[in-house]
Amino acid sequence: MDWHDQQDLVKYRRRKRKQREYQQGYRERLKEAKTPERDDIAAELMRVFLATVAVDHGKVADLSRALFSGLQGRGYDRAASVGQVKAMARRVQAKLRSQSVAAAE
């Protein structure tokens, strides 16, 4: 990258440093609150889903219970896990709604 103005370079470095510090703080807050990140939930969900489907397709209704128990077994707070999954579901619902509105137009 070619910096013509040294002030721009200073601002860029300051912004990048703030981003790194924020991200590090965010990860530490999640760890302290024992809130799983999206990848933790996805990994546990896939493990539980495959184990459930391999045994009995009818047991998929027990999936959410098994998911939260598994995350709790990994040391995550159950209420925080439920909140995180609900937030993920809300984002997916909003995305699907916006896609259906766009398709209808």
PDB file of N, CA and C in Angstrom:
ATOM      1  N   MET A   1       0.849  -1.168   0.000  1.00  0.00           N
ATOM      2  CA  MET A   1       0.000   0.000   0.000  1.00  0.00           C
ATOM      3  C   MET A   1       0.896   1.234   0.000  1.00  0.00           C
ATOM      4  N   ASP A   2       0.580   2.214  -0.782  1.00  0.00           N
ATOM      5  CA  ASP A   2       1.372   3.427  -0.898  1.00  0.00           C
ATOM      6  C   ASP A   2       0.684   4.541  -0.116  1.00  0.00           C
ATOM      7  N   TRP A   3       1.373   5.056   0.884  1.00  0.00           N
ATOM      8  CA  TRP A   3       0.801   6.123   1.714  1.00  0.00           C
ATOM      9  C   TRP A   3       1.431   7.452   1.306  1.00  0.00           C
ATOM     10  N   HIS A   4       0.606   8.339   0.790  1.00  0.00           N
ATOM     11  CA  HIS A   4       1.093   9.652   0.393  1.00  0.00           C
ATOM     12  C   HIS A   4       1.093  10.614   1.567  1.00  0.00           C
ATOM     13  N   ASP A   5       0.175  10.432   2.462  1.00  0.00           N
ATOM     14  CA  ASP A   5       0.047  11.322   3.618  1.00  0.00           C
ATOM     15  C   ASP A   5       0.326  10.522   4.886  1.00  0.00           C
ATOM     16  N   GLN A   6       1.271  10.929   5.667  1.00  0.00           N
ATOM     17  CA  GLN A   6       1.627  10.220   6.898  1.00  0.00           C
ATOM     18  C   GLN A   6       0.478  10.216   7.903  1.00  0.00           C
ATOM     19  N   GLN A   7      -0.359  11.238   7.885  1.00  0.00           N
ATOM     20  CA  GLN A   7      -1.516  11.291   8.789  1.00  0.00           C
ATOM     21  C   GLN A   7      -2.477  10.140   8.487  1.00  0.00           C
ATOM     22  N   ASP A   8      -2.667   9.823   7.212  1.00  0.00           N
ATOM     23  CA  ASP A   8      -3.537   8.706   6.834  1.00  0.00           C
ATOM     24  C   ASP A   8      -2.978   7.393   7.354  1.00  0.00           C
ATOM     25  N   LEU A   9      -1.668   7.239   7.274  1.00  0.00           N
ATOM     26  CA  LEU A   9      -1.024   6.029   7.770  1.00  0.00           C
ATOM     27  C   LEU A   9      -1.216   5.899   9.278  1.00  0.00           C
ATOM     28  N   VAL A  10      -1.077   6.987   9.994  1.00  0.00           N
ATOM     29  CA  VAL A  10      -1.257   6.981  11.450  1.00  0.00           C
ATOM     30  C   VAL A  10      -2.701   6.620  11.797  1.00  0.00           C
ATOM     31  N   LYS A  11      -3.654   7.222  11.090  1.00  0.00           N
ATOM     32  CA  LYS A  11      -5.074   6.924  11.326  1.00  0.00           C
ATOM     33  C   LYS A  11      -5.384   5.467  11.025  1.00  0.00           C
ATOM     34  N   TYR A  12      -4.828   4.938   9.946  1.00  0.00           N
ATOM     35  CA  TYR A  12      -5.041   3.549   9.556  1.00  0.00           C
ATOM     36  C   TYR A  12      -4.517   2.603  10.634  1.00  0.00           C
ATOM     37  N   ARG A  13      -3.323   2.836  11.097  1.00  0.00           N
ATOM     38  CA  ARG A  13      -2.738   1.979  12.129  1.00  0.00           C
ATOM     39  C   ARG A  13      -3.519   2.062  13.435  1.00  0.00           C
ATOM     40  N   ARG A  14      -3.976   3.253  13.787  1.00  0.00           N
ATOM     41  CA  ARG A  14      -4.770   3.438  15.008  1.00  0.00           C
ATOM     42  C   ARG A  14      -6.089   2.666  14.905  1.00  0.00           C
ATOM     43  N   ARG A  15      -6.729   2.756  13.745  1.00  0.00           N
ATOM     44  CA  ARG A  15      -7.994   2.051  13.533  1.00  0.00           C
ATOM     45  C   ARG A  15      -7.793   0.541  13.615  1.00  0.00           C
ATOM     46  N   LYS A  16      -6.738   0.045  12.988  1.00  0.00           N
ATOM     47  CA  LYS A  16      -6.454  -1.394  13.028  1.00  0.00           C
ATOM     48  C   LYS A  16      -6.149  -1.863  14.453  1.00  0.00           C
ATOM     49  N   ARG A  17      -5.406  -1.068  15.207  1.00  0.00           N
ATOM     50  CA  ARG A  17      -5.098  -1.417  16.591  1.00  0.00           C
ATOM     51  C   ARG A  17      -6.372  -1.468  17.429  1.00  0.00           C
ATOM     52  N   LYS A  18      -7.259  -0.498  17.245  1.00  0.00           N
ATOM     53  CA  LYS A  18      -8.534  -0.483  17.974  1.00  0.00           C
ATOM     54  C   LYS A  18      -9.379  -1.702  17.619  1.00  0.00           C
ATOM     55  N   GLN A  19      -9.377  -2.091  16.357  1.00  0.00           N
ATOM     56  CA  GLN A  19     -10.123  -3.273  15.942  1.00  0.00           C
ATOM     57  C   GLN A  19      -9.577  -4.529  16.610  1.00  0.00           C
ATOM     58  N   ARG A  20      -8.247  -4.667  16.648  1.00  0.00           N
ATOM     59  CA  ARG A  20      -7.636  -5.831  17.303  1.00  0.00           C
ATOM     60  C   ARG A  20      -7.985  -5.868  18.786  1.00  0.00           C
ATOM     61  N   GLU A  21      -7.902  -4.726  19.450  1.00  0.00           N
ATOM     62  CA  GLU A  21      -8.203  -4.665  20.879  1.00  0.00           C
ATOM     63  C   GLU A  21      -9.672  -4.985  21.148  1.00  0.00           C
ATOM     64  N   TYR A  22     -10.566  -4.458  20.312  1.00  0.00           N
ATOM     65  CA  TYR A  22     -11.984  -4.737  20.482  1.00  0.00           C
ATOM     66  C   TYR A  22     -12.260  -6.231  20.318  1.00  0.00           C
ATOM     67  N   GLN A  23     -11.695  -6.835  19.276  1.00  0.00           N
ATOM     68  CA  GLN A  23     -11.933  -8.259  19.007  1.00  0.00           C
ATOM     69  C   GLN A  23     -11.395  -9.118  20.142  1.00  0.00           C
ATOM     70  N   GLN A  24     -10.226  -8.765  20.662  1.00  0.00           N
ATOM     71  CA  GLN A  24      -9.654  -9.515  21.778  1.00  0.00           C
ATOM     72  C   GLN A  24     -10.544  -9.383  23.016  1.00  0.00           C
ATOM     73  N   GLY A  25     -11.022  -8.171  23.292  1.00  0.00           N
ATOM     74  CA  GLY A  25     -11.922  -7.959  24.421  1.00  0.00           C
ATOM     75  C   GLY A  25     -13.231  -8.711  24.259  1.00  0.00           C
ATOM     76  N   TYR A  26     -13.756  -8.736  23.034  1.00  0.00           N
ATOM     77  CA  TYR A  26     -14.997  -9.443  22.743  1.00  0.00           C
ATOM     78  C   TYR A  26     -14.842 -10.937  23.039  1.00  0.00           C
ATOM     79  N   ARG A  27     -13.743 -11.525  22.565  1.00  0.00           N
ATOM     80  CA  ARG A  27     -13.508 -12.947  22.816  1.00  0.00           C
ATOM     81  C   ARG A  27     -13.361 -13.229  24.312  1.00  0.00           C
ATOM     82  N   GLU A  28     -12.690 -12.334  25.022  1.00  0.00           N
ATOM     83  CA  GLU A  28     -12.518 -12.519  26.467  1.00  0.00           C
ATOM     84  C   GLU A  28     -13.860 -12.411  27.196  1.00  0.00           C
ATOM     85  N   ARG A  29     -14.710 -11.469  26.778  1.00  0.00           N
ATOM     86  CA  ARG A  29     -16.036 -11.334  27.407  1.00  0.00           C
ATOM     87  C   ARG A  29     -16.876 -12.576  27.183  1.00  0.00           C
ATOM     88  N   LEU A  30     -16.840 -13.128  25.975  1.00  0.00           N
ATOM     89  CA  LEU A  30     -17.583 -14.351  25.696  1.00  0.00           C
ATOM     90  C   LEU A  30     -17.064 -15.505  26.557  1.00  0.00           C
ATOM     91  N   LYS A  31     -15.749 -15.584  26.684  1.00  0.00           N
ATOM     92  CA  LYS A  31     -15.156 -16.658  27.467  1.00  0.00           C
ATOM     93  C   LYS A  31     -15.535 -16.523  28.947  1.00  0.00           C
ATOM     94  N   GLU A  32     -15.488 -15.308  29.485  1.00  0.00           N
ATOM     95  CA  GLU A  32     -15.842 -15.082  30.890  1.00  0.00           C
ATOM     96  C   GLU A  32     -17.317 -15.388  31.155  1.00  0.00           C
ATOM     97  N   ALA A  33     -18.179 -15.034  30.208  1.00  0.00           N
ATOM     98  CA  ALA A  33     -19.614 -15.279  30.365  1.00  0.00           C
ATOM     99  C   ALA A  33     -19.984 -16.708  29.998  1.00  0.00           C
ATOM    100  N   LYS A  34     -18.988 -17.453  29.552  1.00  0.00           N
ATOM    101  CA  LYS A  34     -19.196 -18.832  29.098  1.00  0.00           C
ATOM    102  C   LYS A  34     -20.271 -18.901  28.017  1.00  0.00           C
ATOM    103  N   THR A  35     -20.217 -17.945  27.104  1.00  0.00           N
ATOM    104  CA  THR A  35     -21.139 -17.894  25.979  1.00  0.00           C
ATOM    105  C   THR A  35     -20.456 -18.515  24.766  1.00  0.00           C
ATOM    106  N   PRO A  36     -21.054 -19.535  24.167  1.00  0.00           N
ATOM    107  CA  PRO A  36     -20.414 -20.160  23.010  1.00  0.00           C
ATOM    108  C   PRO A  36     -20.472 -19.255  21.782  1.00  0.00           C
ATOM    109  N   GLU A  37     -19.458 -19.356  20.961  1.00  0.00           N
ATOM    110  CA  GLU A  37     -19.463 -18.646  19.699  1.00  0.00           C
ATOM    111  C   GLU A  37     -20.187 -19.502  18.663  1.00  0.00           C
ATOM    112  N   ARG A  38     -20.447 -18.933  17.534  1.00  0.00           N
ATOM    113  CA  ARG A  38     -21.181 -19.613  16.469  1.00  0.00           C
ATOM    114  C   ARG A  38     -20.527 -20.937  16.083  1.00  0.00           C
ATOM    115  N   ASP A  39     -19.216 -20.963  15.974  1.00  0.00           N
ATOM    116  CA  ASP A  39     -18.517 -22.182  15.571  1.00  0.00           C
ATOM    117  C   ASP A  39     -18.642 -23.281  16.625  1.00  0.00           C
ATOM    118  N   ASP A  40     -18.665 -22.907  17.916  1.00  0.00           N
ATOM    119  CA  ASP A  40     -18.844 -23.898  18.979  1.00  0.00           C
ATOM    120  C   ASP A  40     -20.232 -24.537  18.878  1.00  0.00           C
ATOM    121  N   ILE A  41     -21.228 -23.695  18.640  1.00  0.00           N
ATOM    122  CA  ILE A  41     -22.599 -24.193  18.508  1.00  0.00           C
ATOM    123  C   ILE A  41     -22.718 -25.083  17.277  1.00  0.00           C
ATOM    124  N   ALA A  42     -22.124 -24.646  16.170  1.00  0.00           N
ATOM    125  CA  ALA A  42     -22.201 -25.423  14.930  1.00  0.00           C
ATOM    126  C   ALA A  42     -21.522 -26.785  15.072  1.00  0.00           C
ATOM    127  N   ALA A  43     -20.382 -26.820  15.713  1.00  0.00           N
ATOM    128  CA  ALA A  43     -19.667 -28.088  15.885  1.00  0.00           C
ATOM    129  C   ALA A  43     -20.477 -29.056  16.741  1.00  0.00           C
ATOM    130  N   GLU A  44     -21.031 -28.550  17.838  1.00  0.00           N
ATOM    131  CA  GLU A  44     -21.828 -29.407  18.719  1.00  0.00           C
ATOM    132  C   GLU A  44     -23.116 -29.844  18.025  1.00  0.00           C
ATOM    133  N   LEU A  45     -23.740 -28.952  17.297  1.00  0.00           N
ATOM    134  CA  LEU A  45     -24.968 -29.274  16.577  1.00  0.00           C
ATOM    135  C   LEU A  45     -24.725 -30.374  15.543  1.00  0.00           C
ATOM    136  N   MET A  46     -23.658 -30.254  14.799  1.00  0.00           N
ATOM    137  CA  MET A  46     -23.360 -31.268  13.790  1.00  0.00           C
ATOM    138  C   MET A  46     -23.093 -32.622  14.443  1.00  0.00           C
ATOM    139  N   ARG A  47     -22.359 -32.642  15.536  1.00  0.00           N
ATOM    140  CA  ARG A  47     -22.075 -33.900  16.226  1.00  0.00           C
ATOM    141  C   ARG A  47     -23.356 -34.554  16.715  1.00  0.00           C
ATOM    142  N   VAL A  48     -24.223 -33.758  17.356  1.00  0.00           N
ATOM    143  CA  VAL A  48     -25.480 -34.280  17.887  1.00  0.00           C
ATOM    144  C   VAL A  48     -26.412 -34.693  16.748  1.00  0.00           C
ATOM    145  N   PHE A  49     -26.496 -33.889  15.704  1.00  0.00           N
ATOM    146  CA  PHE A  49     -27.369 -34.198  14.572  1.00  0.00           C
ATOM    147  C   PHE A  49     -26.984 -35.525  13.927  1.00  0.00           C
ATOM    148  N   LEU A  50     -25.706 -35.700  13.641  1.00  0.00           N
ATOM    149  CA  LEU A  50     -25.265 -36.933  12.991  1.00  0.00           C
ATOM    150  C   LEU A  50     -25.494 -38.145  13.880  1.00  0.00           C
ATOM    151  N   ALA A  51     -25.242 -37.987  15.160  1.00  0.00           N
ATOM    152  CA  ALA A  51     -25.468 -39.100  16.084  1.00  0.00           C
ATOM    153  C   ALA A  51     -26.949 -39.441  16.166  1.00  0.00           C
ATOM    154  N   THR A  52     -27.805 -38.433  16.157  1.00  0.00           N
ATOM    155  CA  THR A  52     -29.250 -38.652  16.255  1.00  0.00           C
ATOM    156  C   THR A  52     -29.803 -39.269  14.984  1.00  0.00           C
ATOM    157  N   VAL A  53     -29.439 -38.729  13.845  1.00  0.00           N
ATOM    158  CA  VAL A  53     -29.948 -39.223  12.568  1.00  0.00           C
ATOM    159  C   VAL A  53     -29.455 -40.642  12.297  1.00  0.00           C
ATOM    160  N   ALA A  54     -28.246 -40.944  12.711  1.00  0.00           N
ATOM    161  CA  ALA A  54     -27.702 -42.280  12.477  1.00  0.00           C
ATOM    162  C   ALA A  54     -28.485 -43.347  13.230  1.00  0.00           C
ATOM    163  N   VAL A  55     -29.039 -42.979  14.366  1.00  0.00           N
ATOM    164  CA  VAL A  55     -29.764 -43.946  15.187  1.00  0.00           C
ATOM    165  C   VAL A  55     -31.249 -43.973  14.832  1.00  0.00           C
ATOM    166  N   ASP A  56     -31.896 -42.801  14.803  1.00  0.00           N
ATOM    167  CA  ASP A  56     -33.350 -42.775  14.610  1.00  0.00           C
ATOM    168  C   ASP A  56     -33.770 -41.406  14.079  1.00  0.00           C
ATOM    169  N   HIS A  57     -34.372 -41.385  12.897  1.00  0.00           N
ATOM    170  CA  HIS A  57     -34.815 -40.116  12.306  1.00  0.00           C
ATOM    171  C   HIS A  57     -35.891 -39.442  13.145  1.00  0.00           C
ATOM    172  N   GLY A  58     -36.662 -40.203  13.875  1.00  0.00           N
ATOM    173  CA  GLY A  58     -37.739 -39.642  14.677  1.00  0.00           C
ATOM    174  C   GLY A  58     -37.264 -38.858  15.887  1.00  0.00           C
ATOM    175  N   LYS A  59     -36.015 -39.006  16.236  1.00  0.00           N
ATOM    176  CA  LYS A  59     -35.500 -38.333  17.426  1.00  0.00           C
ATOM    177  C   LYS A  59     -34.997 -36.918  17.154  1.00  0.00           C
ATOM    178  N   VAL A  60     -35.196 -36.410  15.976  1.00  0.00           N
ATOM    179  CA  VAL A  60     -34.715 -35.068  15.650  1.00  0.00           C
ATOM    180  C   VAL A  60     -35.375 -34.024  16.556  1.00  0.00           C
ATOM    181  N   ALA A  61     -36.558 -34.325  17.087  1.00  0.00           N
ATOM    182  CA  ALA A  61     -37.222 -33.401  18.011  1.00  0.00           C
ATOM    183  C   ALA A  61     -36.402 -33.198  19.277  1.00  0.00           C
ATOM    184  N   ASP A  62     -35.595 -34.180  19.638  1.00  0.00           N
ATOM    185  CA  ASP A  62     -34.753 -34.078  20.833  1.00  0.00           C
ATOM    186  C   ASP A  62     -33.453 -33.324  20.557  1.00  0.00           C
ATOM    187  N   LEU A  63     -33.291 -32.866  19.348  1.00  0.00           N
ATOM    188  CA  LEU A  63     -32.037 -32.251  18.949  1.00  0.00           C
ATOM    189  C   LEU A  63     -31.679 -31.017  19.777  1.00  0.00           C
ATOM    190  N   SER A  64     -32.622 -30.139  19.970  1.00  0.00           N
ATOM    191  CA  SER A  64     -32.289 -28.911  20.704  1.00  0.00           C
ATOM    192  C   SER A  64     -31.898 -29.220  22.143  1.00  0.00           C
ATOM    193  N   ARG A  65     -32.593 -30.123  22.767  1.00  0.00           N
ATOM    194  CA  ARG A  65     -32.258 -30.503  24.142  1.00  0.00           C
ATOM    195  C   ARG A  65     -30.844 -31.083  24.211  1.00  0.00           C
ATOM    196  N   ALA A  66     -30.520 -31.938  23.264  1.00  0.00           N
ATOM    197  CA  ALA A  66     -29.189 -32.541  23.226  1.00  0.00           C
ATOM    198  C   ALA A  66     -28.115 -31.491  22.922  1.00  0.00           C
ATOM    199  N   LEU A  67     -28.450 -30.554  22.043  1.00  0.00           N
ATOM    200  CA  LEU A  67     -27.504 -29.492  21.698  1.00  0.00           C
ATOM    201  C   LEU A  67     -27.117 -28.695  22.932  1.00  0.00           C
ATOM    202  N   PHE A  68     -28.119 -28.241  23.675  1.00  0.00           N
ATOM    203  CA  PHE A  68     -27.827 -27.402  24.845  1.00  0.00           C
ATOM    204  C   PHE A  68     -27.164 -28.194  25.960  1.00  0.00           C
ATOM    205  N   SER A  69     -27.502 -29.441  26.088  1.00  0.00           N
ATOM    206  CA  SER A  69     -26.818 -30.280  27.078  1.00  0.00           C
ATOM    207  C   SER A  69     -25.356 -30.476  26.695  1.00  0.00           C
ATOM    208  N   GLY A  70     -25.104 -30.684  25.406  1.00  0.00           N
ATOM    209  CA  GLY A  70     -23.732 -30.849  24.937  1.00  0.00           C
ATOM    210  C   GLY A  70     -22.898 -29.597  25.139  1.00  0.00           C
ATOM    211  N   LEU A  71     -23.487 -28.447  24.843  1.00  0.00           N
ATOM    212  CA  LEU A  71     -22.761 -27.190  25.052  1.00  0.00           C
ATOM    213  C   LEU A  71     -22.498 -26.957  26.534  1.00  0.00           C
ATOM    214  N   GLN A  72     -23.484 -27.309  27.353  1.00  0.00           N
ATOM    215  CA  GLN A  72     -23.307 -27.175  28.792  1.00  0.00           C
ATOM    216  C   GLN A  72     -22.194 -28.119  29.265  1.00  0.00           C
ATOM    217  N   GLY A  73     -22.128 -29.300  28.685  1.00  0.00           N
ATOM    218  CA  GLY A  73     -21.067 -30.246  29.007  1.00  0.00           C
ATOM    219  C   GLY A  73     -19.689 -29.733  28.623  1.00  0.00           C
ATOM    220  N   ARG A  74     -19.635 -28.866  27.628  1.00  0.00           N
ATOM    221  CA  ARG A  74     -18.369 -28.249  27.222  1.00  0.00           C
ATOM    222  C   ARG A  74     -18.018 -27.063  28.109  1.00  0.00           C
ATOM    223  N   GLY A  75     -18.872 -26.747  29.062  1.00  0.00           N
ATOM    224  CA  GLY A  75     -18.577 -25.670  30.001  1.00  0.00           C
ATOM    225  C   GLY A  75     -19.258 -24.351  29.701  1.00  0.00           C
ATOM    226  N   TYR A  76     -20.189 -24.329  28.731  1.00  0.00           N
ATOM    227  CA  TYR A  76     -20.893 -23.092  28.400  1.00  0.00           C
ATOM    228  C   TYR A  76     -22.153 -22.967  29.233  1.00  0.00           C
ATOM    229  N   ASP A  77     -22.534 -21.724  29.508  1.00  0.00           N
ATOM    230  CA  ASP A  77     -23.746 -21.446  30.259  1.00  0.00           C
ATOM    231  C   ASP A  77     -24.964 -21.790  29.406  1.00  0.00           C
ATOM    232  N   ARG A  78     -25.911 -22.533  29.970  1.00  0.00           N
ATOM    233  CA  ARG A  78     -27.078 -22.991  29.204  1.00  0.00           C
ATOM    234  C   ARG A  78     -27.931 -21.821  28.715  1.00  0.00           C
ATOM    235  N   ALA A  79     -28.208 -20.853  29.593  1.00  0.00           N
ATOM    236  CA  ALA A  79     -29.041 -19.708  29.200  1.00  0.00           C
ATOM    237  C   ALA A  79     -28.357 -18.875  28.120  1.00  0.00           C
ATOM    238  N   ALA A  80     -27.042 -18.695  28.236  1.00  0.00           N
ATOM    239  CA  ALA A  80     -26.305 -17.948  27.214  1.00  0.00           C
ATOM    240  C   ALA A  80     -26.325 -18.697  25.894  1.00  0.00           C
ATOM    241  N   SER A  81     -26.246 -20.017  25.950  1.00  0.00           N
ATOM    242  CA  SER A  81     -26.298 -20.836  24.737  1.00  0.00           C
ATOM    243  C   SER A  81     -27.647 -20.704  24.048  1.00  0.00           C
ATOM    244  N   VAL A  82     -28.718 -20.772  24.837  1.00  0.00           N
ATOM    245  CA  VAL A  82     -30.066 -20.629  24.278  1.00  0.00           C
ATOM    246  C   VAL A  82     -30.203 -19.255  23.631  1.00  0.00           C
ATOM    247  N   GLY A  83     -29.736 -18.220  24.312  1.00  0.00           N
ATOM    248  CA  GLY A  83     -29.804 -16.863  23.769  1.00  0.00           C
ATOM    249  C   GLY A  83     -29.028 -16.723  22.472  1.00  0.00           C
ATOM    250  N   GLN A  84     -27.863 -17.335  22.416  1.00  0.00           N
ATOM    251  CA  GLN A  84     -27.034 -17.255  21.212  1.00  0.00           C
ATOM    252  C   GLN A  84     -27.709 -17.959  20.041  1.00  0.00           C
ATOM    253  N   VAL A  85     -28.277 -19.128  20.273  1.00  0.00           N
ATOM    254  CA  VAL A  85     -28.958 -19.863  19.203  1.00  0.00           C
ATOM    255  C   VAL A  85     -30.200 -19.104  18.742  1.00  0.00           C
ATOM    256  N   LYS A  86     -30.938 -18.528  19.680  1.00  0.00           N
ATOM    257  CA  LYS A  86     -32.123 -17.739  19.298  1.00  0.00           C
ATOM    258  C   LYS A  86     -31.720 -16.541  18.452  1.00  0.00           C
ATOM    259  N   ALA A  87     -30.615 -15.893  18.813  1.00  0.00           N
ATOM    260  CA  ALA A  87     -30.145 -14.754  18.022  1.00  0.00           C
ATOM    261  C   ALA A  87     -29.756 -15.193  16.615  1.00  0.00           C
ATOM    262  N   MET A  88     -29.102 -16.344  16.528  1.00  0.00           N
ATOM    263  CA  MET A  88     -28.740 -16.881  15.210  1.00  0.00           C
ATOM    264  C   MET A  88     -29.997 -17.180  14.398  1.00  0.00           C
ATOM    265  N   ALA A  89     -31.004 -17.751  15.036  1.00  0.00           N
ATOM    266  CA  ALA A  89     -32.257 -18.075  14.345  1.00  0.00           C
ATOM    267  C   ALA A  89     -32.964 -16.806  13.869  1.00  0.00           C
ATOM    268  N   ARG A  90     -32.944 -15.763  14.698  1.00  0.00           N
ATOM    269  CA  ARG A  90     -33.570 -14.496  14.296  1.00  0.00           C
ATOM    270  C   ARG A  90     -32.881 -13.908  13.073  1.00  0.00           C
ATOM    271  N   ARG A  91     -31.562 -14.006  13.023  1.00  0.00           N
ATOM    272  CA  ARG A  91     -30.834 -13.487  11.858  1.00  0.00           C
ATOM    273  C   ARG A  91     -31.200 -14.269  10.600  1.00  0.00           C
ATOM    274  N   VAL A  92     -31.310 -15.588  10.725  1.00  0.00           N
ATOM    275  CA  VAL A  92     -31.688 -16.415   9.570  1.00  0.00           C
ATOM    276  C   VAL A  92     -33.116 -16.084   9.129  1.00  0.00           C
ATOM    277  N   GLN A  93     -34.026 -15.920  10.100  1.00  0.00           N
ATOM    278  CA  GLN A  93     -35.409 -15.574   9.759  1.00  0.00           C
ATOM    279  C   GLN A  93     -35.470 -14.241   9.028  1.00  0.00           C
ATOM    280  N   ALA A  94     -34.719 -13.255   9.516  1.00  0.00           N
ATOM    281  CA  ALA A  94     -34.717 -11.943   8.870  1.00  0.00           C
ATOM    282  C   ALA A  94     -34.172 -12.035   7.448  1.00  0.00           C
ATOM    283  N   LYS A  95     -33.138 -12.820   7.270  1.00  0.00           N
ATOM    284  CA  LYS A  95     -32.555 -12.997   5.940  1.00  0.00           C
ATOM    285  C   LYS A  95     -33.549 -13.667   5.001  1.00  0.00           C
ATOM    286  N   LEU A  96     -34.237 -14.703   5.488  1.00  0.00           N
ATOM    287  CA  LEU A  96     -35.234 -15.398   4.662  1.00  0.00           C
ATOM    288  C   LEU A  96     -36.395 -14.473   4.309  1.00  0.00           C
ATOM    289  N   ARG A  97     -36.830 -13.658   5.285  1.00  0.00           N
ATOM    290  CA  ARG A  97     -37.913 -12.697   5.019  1.00  0.00           C
ATOM    291  C   ARG A  97     -37.501 -11.706   3.946  1.00  0.00           C
ATOM    292  N   SER A  98     -36.290 -11.161   4.056  1.00  0.00           N
ATOM    293  CA  SER A  98     -35.849 -10.176   3.072  1.00  0.00           C
ATOM    294  C   SER A  98     -35.702 -10.810   1.693  1.00  0.00           C
ATOM    295  N   GLN A  99     -35.289 -12.075   1.639  1.00  0.00           N
ATOM    296  CA  GLN A  99     -35.191 -12.771   0.361  1.00  0.00           C
ATOM    297  C   GLN A  99     -36.556 -13.012  -0.251  1.00  0.00           C
ATOM    298  N   SER A 100     -37.549 -13.346   0.572  1.00  0.00           N
ATOM    299  CA  SER A 100     -38.897 -13.600   0.037  1.00  0.00           C
ATOM    300  C   SER A 100     -39.547 -12.306  -0.426  1.00  0.00           C
ATOM    301  N   VAL A 101     -39.283 -11.211   0.277  1.00  0.00           N
ATOM    302  CA  VAL A 101     -39.820  -9.906  -0.153  1.00  0.00           C
ATOM    303  C   VAL A 101     -39.181  -9.499  -1.470  1.00  0.00           C
ATOM    304  N   ALA A 102     -37.885  -9.704  -1.599  1.00  0.00           N
ATOM    305  CA  ALA A 102     -37.188  -9.348  -2.832  1.00  0.00           C
ATOM    306  C   ALA A 102     -37.677 -10.201  -4.000  1.00  0.00           C
ATOM    307  N   ALA A 103     -37.969 -11.473  -3.735  1.00  0.00           N
ATOM    308  CA  ALA A 103     -38.456 -12.375  -4.793  1.00  0.00           C
ATOM    309  C   ALA A 103     -39.868 -12.001  -5.217  1.00  0.00           C
ATOM    310  N   ALA A 104     -40.670 -11.474  -4.286  1.00  0.00           N
ATOM    311  CA  ALA A 104     -42.059 -11.119  -4.596  1.00  0.00           C
ATOM    312  C   ALA A 104     -42.135  -9.852  -5.420  1.00  0.00           C
ATOM    313  N   GLU A 105     -41.128  -9.034  -5.375  1.00  0.00           N
ATOM    314  CA  GLU A 105     -41.161  -7.740  -6.111  1.00  0.00           C
ATOM    315  C   GLU A 105     -40.794  -7.877  -7.534  1.00  0.00           C
TER     316      GLU A 105
END
